[in-house]
Amino acid sequence: CAPSRGEGTSSEAQDATAQRTPGPGGVH
């Protein structure tokens, strides 16, 4: 279903699993 735009970004992209708590912006 969802097509690829083309070449992907680098595999060096940062991981997003750092510990966080929900902030005030848009998510409650």
PDB file of all heavy atoms in Angstrom:
ATOM      1  N   CYS A   1       0.778  -1.242   0.000  1.00  0.00           N
ATOM      2  CA  CYS A   1       0.000   0.000   0.000  1.00  0.00           C
ATOM      3  C   CYS A   1       0.803   1.282   0.000  1.00  0.00           C
ATOM      4  O   CYS A   1       0.701   2.049  -0.931  1.00  0.00           O
ATOM      5  CB  CYS A   1      -1.002   0.008   1.165  1.00  0.00           C
ATOM      6  SG  CYS A   1      -2.254  -1.267   1.023  1.00  0.00           S
ATOM      7  N   ALA A   2       1.554   1.588   1.056  1.00  0.00           N
ATOM      8  CA  ALA A   2       2.219   2.881   1.111  1.00  0.00           C
ATOM      9  C   ALA A   2       3.520   2.835   0.328  1.00  0.00           C
ATOM     10  O   ALA A   2       4.409   2.052   0.651  1.00  0.00           O
ATOM     11  CB  ALA A   2       2.494   3.268   2.560  1.00  0.00           C
ATOM     12  N   PRO A   3       3.679   3.654  -0.723  1.00  0.00           N
ATOM     13  CA  PRO A   3       4.871   3.584  -1.557  1.00  0.00           C
ATOM     14  C   PRO A   3       6.061   4.270  -0.916  1.00  0.00           C
ATOM     15  O   PRO A   3       5.930   5.082  -0.020  1.00  0.00           O
ATOM     16  CB  PRO A   3       4.443   4.322  -2.826  1.00  0.00           C
ATOM     17  CG  PRO A   3       3.457   5.323  -2.340  1.00  0.00           C
ATOM     18  CD  PRO A   3       2.732   4.659  -1.197  1.00  0.00           C
ATOM     19  N   SER A   4       7.246   3.950  -1.420  1.00  0.00           N
ATOM     20  CA  SER A   4       8.475   4.561  -0.945  1.00  0.00           C
ATOM     21  C   SER A   4       8.796   5.787  -1.777  1.00  0.00           C
ATOM     22  O   SER A   4       8.636   5.787  -2.994  1.00  0.00           O
ATOM     23  CB  SER A   4       9.617   3.541  -1.063  1.00  0.00           C
ATOM     24  OG  SER A   4      10.857   4.150  -0.843  1.00  0.00           O
ATOM     25  N   ARG A   5       9.272   6.839  -1.102  1.00  0.00           N
ATOM     26  CA  ARG A   5       9.657   8.039  -1.831  1.00  0.00           C
ATOM     27  C   ARG A   5      10.885   7.785  -2.692  1.00  0.00           C
ATOM     28  O   ARG A   5      11.070   8.358  -3.733  1.00  0.00           O
ATOM     29  CB  ARG A   5       9.930   9.186  -0.854  1.00  0.00           C
ATOM     30  CG  ARG A   5      10.193  10.511  -1.549  1.00  0.00           C
ATOM     31  CD  ARG A   5      10.486  11.611  -0.547  1.00  0.00           C
ATOM     32  NE  ARG A   5       9.336  11.904   0.283  1.00  0.00           N
ATOM     33  CZ  ARG A   5       8.315  12.667  -0.093  1.00  0.00           C
ATOM     34  NH1 ARG A   5       8.292  13.196  -1.300  1.00  0.00           N
ATOM     35  NH2 ARG A   5       7.305  12.885   0.724  1.00  0.00           N
ATOM     36  N   GLY A   6      11.761   6.908  -2.248  1.00  0.00           N
ATOM     37  CA  GLY A   6      12.980   6.632  -3.000  1.00  0.00           C
ATOM     38  C   GLY A   6      14.066   6.207  -2.046  1.00  0.00           C
ATOM     39  O   GLY A   6      13.849   5.360  -1.192  1.00  0.00           O
ATOM     40  N   GLU A   7      15.232   6.790  -2.172  1.00  0.00           N
ATOM     41  CA  GLU A   7      16.339   6.430  -1.299  1.00  0.00           C
ATOM     42  C   GLU A   7      15.994   6.798   0.136  1.00  0.00           C
ATOM     43  O   GLU A   7      15.506   7.893   0.417  1.00  0.00           O
ATOM     44  CB  GLU A   7      17.608   7.170  -1.727  1.00  0.00           C
ATOM     45  CG  GLU A   7      18.157   6.708  -3.054  1.00  0.00           C
ATOM     46  CD  GLU A   7      18.627   5.263  -3.005  1.00  0.00           C
ATOM     47  OE1 GLU A   7      19.210   4.880  -1.964  1.00  0.00           O
ATOM     48  OE2 GLU A   7      18.412   4.531  -3.986  1.00  0.00           O
ATOM     49  N   GLY A   8      16.286   5.897   1.061  1.00  0.00           N
ATOM     50  CA  GLY A   8      16.004   6.151   2.459  1.00  0.00           C
ATOM     51  C   GLY A   8      17.061   7.028   3.088  1.00  0.00           C
ATOM     52  O   GLY A   8      18.095   7.317   2.506  1.00  0.00           O
ATOM     53  N   THR A   9      16.780   7.476   4.312  1.00  0.00           N
ATOM     54  CA  THR A   9      17.769   8.247   5.036  1.00  0.00           C
ATOM     55  C   THR A   9      18.847   7.331   5.566  1.00  0.00           C
ATOM     56  O   THR A   9      18.710   6.117   5.583  1.00  0.00           O
ATOM     57  CB  THR A   9      17.127   8.990   6.210  1.00  0.00           C
ATOM     58  OG1 THR A   9      16.499   8.036   7.062  1.00  0.00           O
ATOM     59  CG2 THR A   9      16.101   9.990   5.725  1.00  0.00           C
ATOM     60  N   SER A  10      19.916   7.886   6.029  1.00  0.00           N
ATOM     61  CA  SER A  10      21.054   7.110   6.502  1.00  0.00           C
ATOM     62  C   SER A  10      20.678   6.228   7.677  1.00  0.00           C
ATOM     63  O   SER A  10      19.871   6.601   8.521  1.00  0.00           O
ATOM     64  CB  SER A  10      22.176   8.056   6.933  1.00  0.00           C
ATOM     65  OG  SER A  10      23.162   7.378   7.653  1.00  0.00           O
ATOM     66  N   SER A  11      21.286   5.048   7.740  1.00  0.00           N
ATOM     67  CA  SER A  11      21.049   4.166   8.875  1.00  0.00           C
ATOM     68  C   SER A  11      21.705   4.697  10.141  1.00  0.00           C
ATOM     69  O   SER A  11      21.590   4.094  11.197  1.00  0.00           O
ATOM     70  CB  SER A  11      21.594   2.764   8.577  1.00  0.00           C
ATOM     71  OG  SER A  11      22.980   2.811   8.337  1.00  0.00           O
ATOM     72  N   GLU A  12      22.369   5.845  10.037  1.00  0.00           N
ATOM     73  CA  GLU A  12      22.928   6.479  11.221  1.00  0.00           C
ATOM     74  C   GLU A  12      21.901   7.333  11.943  1.00  0.00           C
ATOM     75  O   GLU A  12      22.210   7.984  12.931  1.00  0.00           O
ATOM     76  CB  GLU A  12      24.129   7.366  10.825  1.00  0.00           C
ATOM     77  CG  GLU A  12      25.253   6.613  10.134  1.00  0.00           C
ATOM     78  CD  GLU A  12      25.860   5.563  11.032  1.00  0.00           C
ATOM     79  OE1 GLU A  12      26.049   5.850  12.225  1.00  0.00           O
ATOM     80  OE2 GLU A  12      26.148   4.468  10.552  1.00  0.00           O
ATOM     81  N   ALA A  13      20.666   7.372  11.424  1.00  0.00           N
ATOM     82  CA  ALA A  13      19.641   8.196  12.056  1.00  0.00           C
ATOM     83  C   ALA A  13      19.508   7.856  13.526  1.00  0.00           C
ATOM     84  O   ALA A  13      19.633   6.709  13.939  1.00  0.00           O
ATOM     85  CB  ALA A  13      18.291   7.969  11.356  1.00  0.00           C
ATOM     86  N   GLN A  14      19.221   8.869  14.331  1.00  0.00           N
ATOM     87  CA  GLN A  14      19.182   8.668  15.771  1.00  0.00           C
ATOM     88  C   GLN A  14      18.023   7.797  16.186  1.00  0.00           C
ATOM     89  O   GLN A  14      16.932   7.880  15.646  1.00  0.00           O
ATOM     90  CB  GLN A  14      19.069  10.014  16.488  1.00  0.00           C
ATOM     91  CG  GLN A  14      20.372  10.786  16.534  1.00  0.00           C
ATOM     92  CD  GLN A  14      20.276  11.936  17.523  1.00  0.00           C
ATOM     93  OE1 GLN A  14      19.199  12.439  17.800  1.00  0.00           O
ATOM     94  NE2 GLN A  14      21.405  12.318  18.054  1.00  0.00           N
ATOM     95  N   ASP A  15      18.258   6.950  17.160  1.00  0.00           N
ATOM     96  CA  ASP A  15      17.220   6.135  17.766  1.00  0.00           C
ATOM     97  C   ASP A  15      16.382   7.019  18.682  1.00  0.00           C
ATOM     98  O   ASP A  15      16.882   7.978  19.250  1.00  0.00           O
ATOM     99  CB  ASP A  15      17.866   5.005  18.570  1.00  0.00           C
ATOM    100  CG  ASP A  15      16.872   3.928  18.947  1.00  0.00           C
ATOM    101  OD1 ASP A  15      16.152   4.159  19.937  1.00  0.00           O
ATOM    102  OD2 ASP A  15      16.838   2.883  18.296  1.00  0.00           O
ATOM    103  N   ALA A  16      15.106   6.690  18.814  1.00  0.00           N
ATOM    104  CA  ALA A  16      14.212   7.546  19.598  1.00  0.00           C
ATOM    105  C   ALA A  16      13.724   6.870  20.861  1.00  0.00           C
ATOM    106  O   ALA A  16      12.648   7.150  21.351  1.00  0.00           O
ATOM    107  CB  ALA A  16      13.007   7.954  18.754  1.00  0.00           C
ATOM    108  N   THR A  17      14.493   5.984  21.422  1.00  0.00           N
ATOM    109  CA  THR A  17      14.025   5.246  22.586  1.00  0.00           C
ATOM    110  C   THR A  17      14.500   5.860  23.896  1.00  0.00           C
ATOM    111  O   THR A  17      14.367   5.249  24.942  1.00  0.00           O
ATOM    112  CB  THR A  17      14.507   3.783  22.517  1.00  0.00           C
ATOM    113  OG1 THR A  17      15.936   3.766  22.365  1.00  0.00           O
ATOM    114  CG2 THR A  17      13.878   3.084  21.328  1.00  0.00           C
ATOM    115  N   ALA A  18      15.054   7.071  23.832  1.00  0.00           N
ATOM    116  CA  ALA A  18      15.481   7.716  25.063  1.00  0.00           C
ATOM    117  C   ALA A  18      14.285   7.929  25.985  1.00  0.00           C
ATOM    118  O   ALA A  18      13.163   8.169  25.547  1.00  0.00           O
ATOM    119  CB  ALA A  18      16.135   9.064  24.740  1.00  0.00           C
ATOM    120  N   GLN A  19      14.520   7.868  27.283  1.00  0.00           N
ATOM    121  CA  GLN A  19      13.442   7.961  28.255  1.00  0.00           C
ATOM    122  C   GLN A  19      12.877   9.377  28.281  1.00  0.00           C
ATOM    123  O   GLN A  19      13.592  10.354  28.408  1.00  0.00           O
ATOM    124  CB  GLN A  19      13.971   7.571  29.643  1.00  0.00           C
ATOM    125  CG  GLN A  19      12.875   7.259  30.630  1.00  0.00           C
ATOM    126  CD  GLN A  19      13.453   6.683  31.905  1.00  0.00           C
ATOM    127  OE1 GLN A  19      14.111   7.393  32.664  1.00  0.00           O
ATOM    128  NE2 GLN A  19      13.206   5.417  32.151  1.00  0.00           N
ATOM    129  N   ARG A  20      11.555   9.463  28.122  1.00  0.00           N
ATOM    130  CA  ARG A  20      10.891  10.752  28.154  1.00  0.00           C
ATOM    131  C   ARG A  20       9.575  10.608  28.896  1.00  0.00           C
ATOM    132  O   ARG A  20       9.050   9.515  29.038  1.00  0.00           O
ATOM    133  CB  ARG A  20      10.598  11.270  26.735  1.00  0.00           C
ATOM    134  CG  ARG A  20      11.821  11.474  25.855  1.00  0.00           C
ATOM    135  CD  ARG A  20      11.398  12.112  24.545  1.00  0.00           C
ATOM    136  NE  ARG A  20      12.549  12.301  23.655  1.00  0.00           N
ATOM    137  CZ  ARG A  20      12.881  11.482  22.690  1.00  0.00           C
ATOM    138  NH1 ARG A  20      12.188  10.368  22.509  1.00  0.00           N
ATOM    139  NH2 ARG A  20      13.911  11.730  21.916  1.00  0.00           N
ATOM    140  N   THR A  21       9.028  11.724  29.336  1.00  0.00           N
ATOM    141  CA  THR A  21       7.679  11.741  29.895  1.00  0.00           C
ATOM    142  C   THR A  21       6.834  12.647  29.022  1.00  0.00           C
ATOM    143  O   THR A  21       7.342  13.588  28.425  1.00  0.00           O
ATOM    144  CB  THR A  21       7.670  12.256  31.344  1.00  0.00           C
ATOM    145  OG1 THR A  21       8.298  13.547  31.369  1.00  0.00           O
ATOM    146  CG2 THR A  21       8.419  11.309  32.254  1.00  0.00           C
ATOM    147  N   PRO A  22       5.526  12.371  28.926  1.00  0.00           N
ATOM    148  CA  PRO A  22       4.683  13.181  28.054  1.00  0.00           C
ATOM    149  C   PRO A  22       4.734  14.655  28.427  1.00  0.00           C
ATOM    150  O   PRO A  22       4.648  15.024  29.598  1.00  0.00           O
ATOM    151  CB  PRO A  22       3.283  12.592  28.284  1.00  0.00           C
ATOM    152  CG  PRO A  22       3.545  11.193  28.717  1.00  0.00           C
ATOM    153  CD  PRO A  22       4.804  11.260  29.525  1.00  0.00           C
ATOM    154  N   GLY A  23       4.888  15.503  27.435  1.00  0.00           N
ATOM    155  CA  GLY A  23       4.943  16.936  27.657  1.00  0.00           C
ATOM    156  C   GLY A  23       3.595  17.582  27.424  1.00  0.00           C
ATOM    157  O   GLY A  23       2.597  16.926  27.144  1.00  0.00           O
ATOM    158  N   PRO A  24       3.519  18.900  27.520  1.00  0.00           N
ATOM    159  CA  PRO A  24       2.243  19.599  27.430  1.00  0.00           C
ATOM    160  C   PRO A  24       1.737  19.770  26.005  1.00  0.00           C
ATOM    161  O   PRO A  24       0.588  20.113  25.793  1.00  0.00           O
ATOM    162  CB  PRO A  24       2.570  20.969  28.041  1.00  0.00           C
ATOM    163  CG  PRO A  24       4.025  21.171  27.714  1.00  0.00           C
ATOM    164  CD  PRO A  24       4.638  19.796  27.812  1.00  0.00           C
ATOM    165  N   GLY A  25       2.592  19.573  25.014  1.00  0.00           N
ATOM    166  CA  GLY A  25       2.218  19.904  23.650  1.00  0.00           C
ATOM    167  C   GLY A  25       1.421  18.834  22.943  1.00  0.00           C
ATOM    168  O   GLY A  25       1.971  17.845  22.490  1.00  0.00           O
ATOM    169  N   GLY A  26       0.108  19.012  22.815  1.00  0.00           N
ATOM    170  CA  GLY A  26      -0.700  18.155  21.970  1.00  0.00           C
ATOM    171  C   GLY A  26      -1.059  16.805  22.542  1.00  0.00           C
ATOM    172  O   GLY A  26      -1.998  16.172  22.105  1.00  0.00           O
ATOM    173  N   VAL A  27      -0.325  16.307  23.532  1.00  0.00           N
ATOM    174  CA  VAL A  27      -0.583  14.989  24.110  1.00  0.00           C
ATOM    175  C   VAL A  27      -0.765  15.162  25.620  1.00  0.00           C
ATOM    176  O   VAL A  27       0.067  15.773  26.280  1.00  0.00           O
ATOM    177  CB  VAL A  27       0.573  14.015  23.831  1.00  0.00           C
ATOM    178  CG1 VAL A  27       0.210  12.615  24.307  1.00  0.00           C
ATOM    179  CG2 VAL A  27       0.916  13.992  22.354  1.00  0.00           C
ATOM    180  N   HIS A  28      -1.828  14.633  26.149  1.00  0.00           N
ATOM    181  CA  HIS A  28      -2.138  14.801  27.566  1.00  0.00           C
ATOM    182  C   HIS A  28      -2.156  13.452  28.268  1.00  0.00           C
ATOM    183  O   HIS A  28      -2.282  12.414  27.633  1.00  0.00           O
ATOM    184  CB  HIS A  28      -3.483  15.513  27.729  1.00  0.00           C
ATOM    185  CG  HIS A  28      -3.535  16.837  27.038  1.00  0.00           C
ATOM    186  ND1 HIS A  28      -2.889  17.951  27.508  1.00  0.00           N
ATOM    187  CD2 HIS A  28      -4.132  17.212  25.873  1.00  0.00           C
ATOM    188  CE1 HIS A  28      -3.095  18.966  26.687  1.00  0.00           C
ATOM    189  NE2 HIS A  28      -3.839  18.541  25.681  1.00  0.00           N
TER     190      HIS A  28
END
